[in-house]
Amino acid sequence: MTTETVQIVMLEPMRVASAWAFGPNPEEIAWQKLVAWAEAHGLLSTGHRIFGFNNPNPSAGSPNYGYEYWLTVDAGVVPDGDIRVIDVPGGRYAVLEADVTGDYGAKIPAAWQRLDSWVATSTHRHGAHQWLEEHTLDGVPFAFYYPITE
């Protein structure tokens, strides 16, 4: 097993374009919405960060849940179609980078579990701001952001 390092980072407040979907596979639908919108507006590039998170989380007995993607944008960007533009407060995070390629269904929860265990044994406590997964331009999560307090 490789040693993974958790870093503490402060995300500054950001303006984001938000794409959301709900169902048994909402990541794919929300991703398609975000990519179509971002490509039409020339915003799908390395200059913009992409974050995502469950919204709402899965519930027992239901295959449906929500997923929301955020693409960082400049102040002049306005909402369009299904895409909302929102201002998001920043916050302090414990961040773990992990390779989740292959079996996403097993590797993503395992990365969150490792990060949750790290926070539980650290001097940090769970924060109230949004937890996040940072994604590549291909939509693959590579960094997991666990909200913490000071």
Protein backbone atom coordinates (compact mmCIF):
# COMPACT_ATOMS: atom_id res chain seq x y z
CA MET A 1 0.00 0.00 0.00
CA THR A 2 1.32 3.43 -0.90
CA THR A 3 1.55 6.20 1.64
CA GLU A 4 -0.85 9.00 0.89
CA THR A 5 -0.34 12.45 2.32
CA VAL A 6 -3.20 14.55 3.54
CA GLN A 7 -2.69 18.28 3.06
CA ILE A 8 -4.52 21.09 4.80
CA VAL A 9 -5.63 23.79 2.34
CA MET A 10 -7.77 26.89 2.42
CA LEU A 11 -10.10 27.24 -0.57
CA GLU A 12 -10.90 30.87 -1.24
CA PRO A 13 -14.48 31.88 -2.05
CA MET A 14 -15.28 31.14 -5.69
CA ARG A 15 -17.90 31.83 -8.32
CA VAL A 16 -19.05 28.64 -10.03
CA ALA A 17 -21.33 27.41 -12.77
CA SER A 18 -23.42 24.58 -11.34
CA ALA A 19 -24.86 21.56 -13.18
CA TRP A 20 -27.11 19.15 -11.26
CA ALA A 21 -28.87 15.87 -11.96
CA PHE A 22 -30.87 13.29 -9.98
CA GLY A 23 -31.37 9.58 -10.60
CA PRO A 24 -29.55 6.24 -10.48
CA ASN A 25 -26.46 7.64 -12.30
CA PRO A 26 -26.57 11.42 -11.87
CA GLU A 27 -22.82 12.01 -12.31
CA GLU A 28 -23.01 11.17 -16.01
CA ILE A 29 -26.06 13.35 -16.68
CA ALA A 30 -24.75 16.33 -14.70
CA TRP A 31 -21.34 15.95 -16.39
CA GLN A 32 -22.93 16.01 -19.86
CA LYS A 33 -24.85 19.19 -18.95
CA LEU A 34 -21.72 20.89 -17.62
CA VAL A 35 -19.52 19.93 -20.56
CA ALA A 36 -22.09 21.00 -23.18
CA TRP A 37 -22.56 24.37 -21.47
CA ALA A 38 -18.83 24.94 -20.82
CA GLU A 39 -17.82 24.04 -24.39
CA ALA A 40 -20.49 26.36 -25.82
CA HIS A 41 -19.07 29.20 -23.70
CA GLY A 42 -15.38 28.36 -24.24
CA LEU A 43 -14.87 27.56 -20.55
CA LEU A 44 -13.74 23.95 -20.55
CA SER A 45 -10.02 24.51 -20.15
CA THR A 46 -7.21 24.04 -17.69
CA GLY A 47 -7.82 27.55 -16.32
CA HIS A 48 -11.01 26.40 -14.59
CA ARG A 49 -11.30 23.97 -11.69
CA ILE A 50 -14.08 21.38 -11.49
CA PHE A 51 -15.58 20.14 -8.24
CA GLY A 52 -18.45 17.77 -7.55
CA PHE A 53 -20.46 16.28 -4.70
CA ASN A 54 -23.58 14.24 -3.93
CA ASN A 55 -26.67 16.44 -3.63
CA PRO A 56 -28.61 14.79 -2.01
CA ASN A 57 -26.72 11.75 -0.76
CA PRO A 58 -28.00 8.27 -1.59
CA SER A 59 -30.62 6.94 0.83
CA ALA A 60 -31.23 3.36 1.90
CA GLY A 61 -33.59 1.48 -0.37
CA SER A 62 -33.41 3.90 -3.30
CA PRO A 63 -31.12 3.79 -6.33
CA ASN A 64 -31.62 7.54 -6.82
CA TYR A 65 -29.45 10.37 -5.56
CA GLY A 66 -28.24 13.71 -6.82
CA TYR A 67 -24.86 14.91 -8.04
CA GLU A 68 -23.76 18.50 -8.63
CA TYR A 69 -20.72 19.73 -10.52
CA TRP A 70 -19.14 23.16 -10.04
CA LEU A 71 -16.91 24.79 -12.67
CA THR A 72 -15.05 27.88 -11.48
CA VAL A 73 -15.92 30.93 -13.58
CA ASP A 74 -15.20 34.67 -13.70
CA ALA A 75 -17.50 37.38 -12.37
CA GLY A 76 -19.00 38.17 -15.80
CA VAL A 77 -20.44 34.70 -16.40
CA VAL A 78 -24.24 34.53 -16.17
CA PRO A 79 -26.65 31.59 -15.79
CA ASP A 80 -27.93 29.94 -18.94
CA GLY A 81 -30.43 27.08 -19.44
CA ASP A 82 -30.05 24.42 -16.73
CA ILE A 83 -26.81 25.98 -15.47
CA ARG A 84 -26.91 28.16 -12.36
CA VAL A 85 -24.12 30.55 -11.37
CA ILE A 86 -23.50 30.83 -7.64
CA ASP A 87 -20.98 32.34 -5.26
CA VAL A 88 -19.55 29.73 -2.90
CA PRO A 89 -17.84 30.54 0.40
CA GLY A 90 -14.39 29.12 0.85
CA GLY A 91 -13.18 27.07 3.75
CA ARG A 92 -10.44 24.95 5.29
CA TYR A 93 -10.10 21.38 4.02
CA ALA A 94 -8.13 18.21 4.59
CA VAL A 95 -7.28 17.07 1.06
CA LEU A 96 -6.30 13.61 -0.15
CA GLU A 97 -5.22 12.96 -3.72
CA ALA A 98 -6.00 9.40 -4.82
CA ASP A 99 -5.99 7.36 -8.02
CA VAL A 100 -9.54 6.05 -8.38
CA THR A 101 -9.35 4.82 -11.97
CA GLY A 102 -10.80 1.40 -12.55
CA ASP A 103 -13.48 0.46 -10.04
CA TYR A 104 -14.95 3.87 -9.12
CA GLY A 105 -17.67 2.20 -7.03
CA ALA A 106 -15.04 0.78 -4.66
CA LYS A 107 -12.14 3.24 -4.94
CA ILE A 108 -14.04 6.50 -4.37
CA PRO A 109 -15.70 5.35 -1.11
CA ALA A 110 -12.34 3.88 0.00
CA ALA A 111 -10.62 7.25 -0.55
CA TRP A 112 -13.32 9.00 1.50
CA GLN A 113 -12.94 6.38 4.25
CA ARG A 114 -9.16 6.93 4.40
CA LEU A 115 -9.70 10.68 4.64
CA ASP A 116 -12.44 10.31 7.26
CA SER A 117 -10.15 8.08 9.35
CA TRP A 118 -7.32 10.59 9.04
CA VAL A 119 -9.53 13.45 10.24
CA ALA A 120 -10.87 11.32 13.12
CA THR A 121 -7.34 10.77 14.45
CA SER A 122 -6.12 14.34 13.80
CA THR A 123 -6.60 17.51 15.85
CA HIS A 124 -9.08 18.78 13.23
CA ARG A 125 -12.85 18.46 13.44
CA HIS A 126 -15.50 18.16 10.75
CA GLY A 127 -16.54 21.54 9.36
CA ALA A 128 -20.00 22.59 8.22
CA HIS A 129 -19.05 23.73 4.70
CA GLN A 130 -19.46 21.61 1.55
CA TRP A 131 -17.29 18.52 1.07
CA LEU A 132 -15.94 18.27 -2.49
CA GLU A 133 -14.31 16.03 -5.05
CA GLU A 134 -12.00 17.80 -7.50
CA HIS A 135 -12.19 16.40 -11.03
CA THR A 136 -9.98 16.31 -14.11
CA LEU A 137 -11.21 17.78 -17.40
CA ASP A 138 -12.33 14.21 -18.19
CA GLY A 139 -14.59 14.13 -15.13
CA VAL A 140 -12.47 11.74 -13.06
CA PRO A 141 -12.17 12.65 -9.37
CA PHE A 142 -8.57 12.89 -8.18
CA ALA A 143 -8.68 14.90 -4.95
CA PHE A 144 -11.07 14.64 -2.04
CA TYR A 145 -11.80 17.71 0.11
CA TYR A 146 -13.02 17.02 3.64
CA PRO A 147 -14.30 20.20 5.35
CA ILE A 148 -12.57 20.88 8.65
CA THR A 149 -12.52 23.54 11.33
CA GLU A 150 -9.38 25.46 12.32
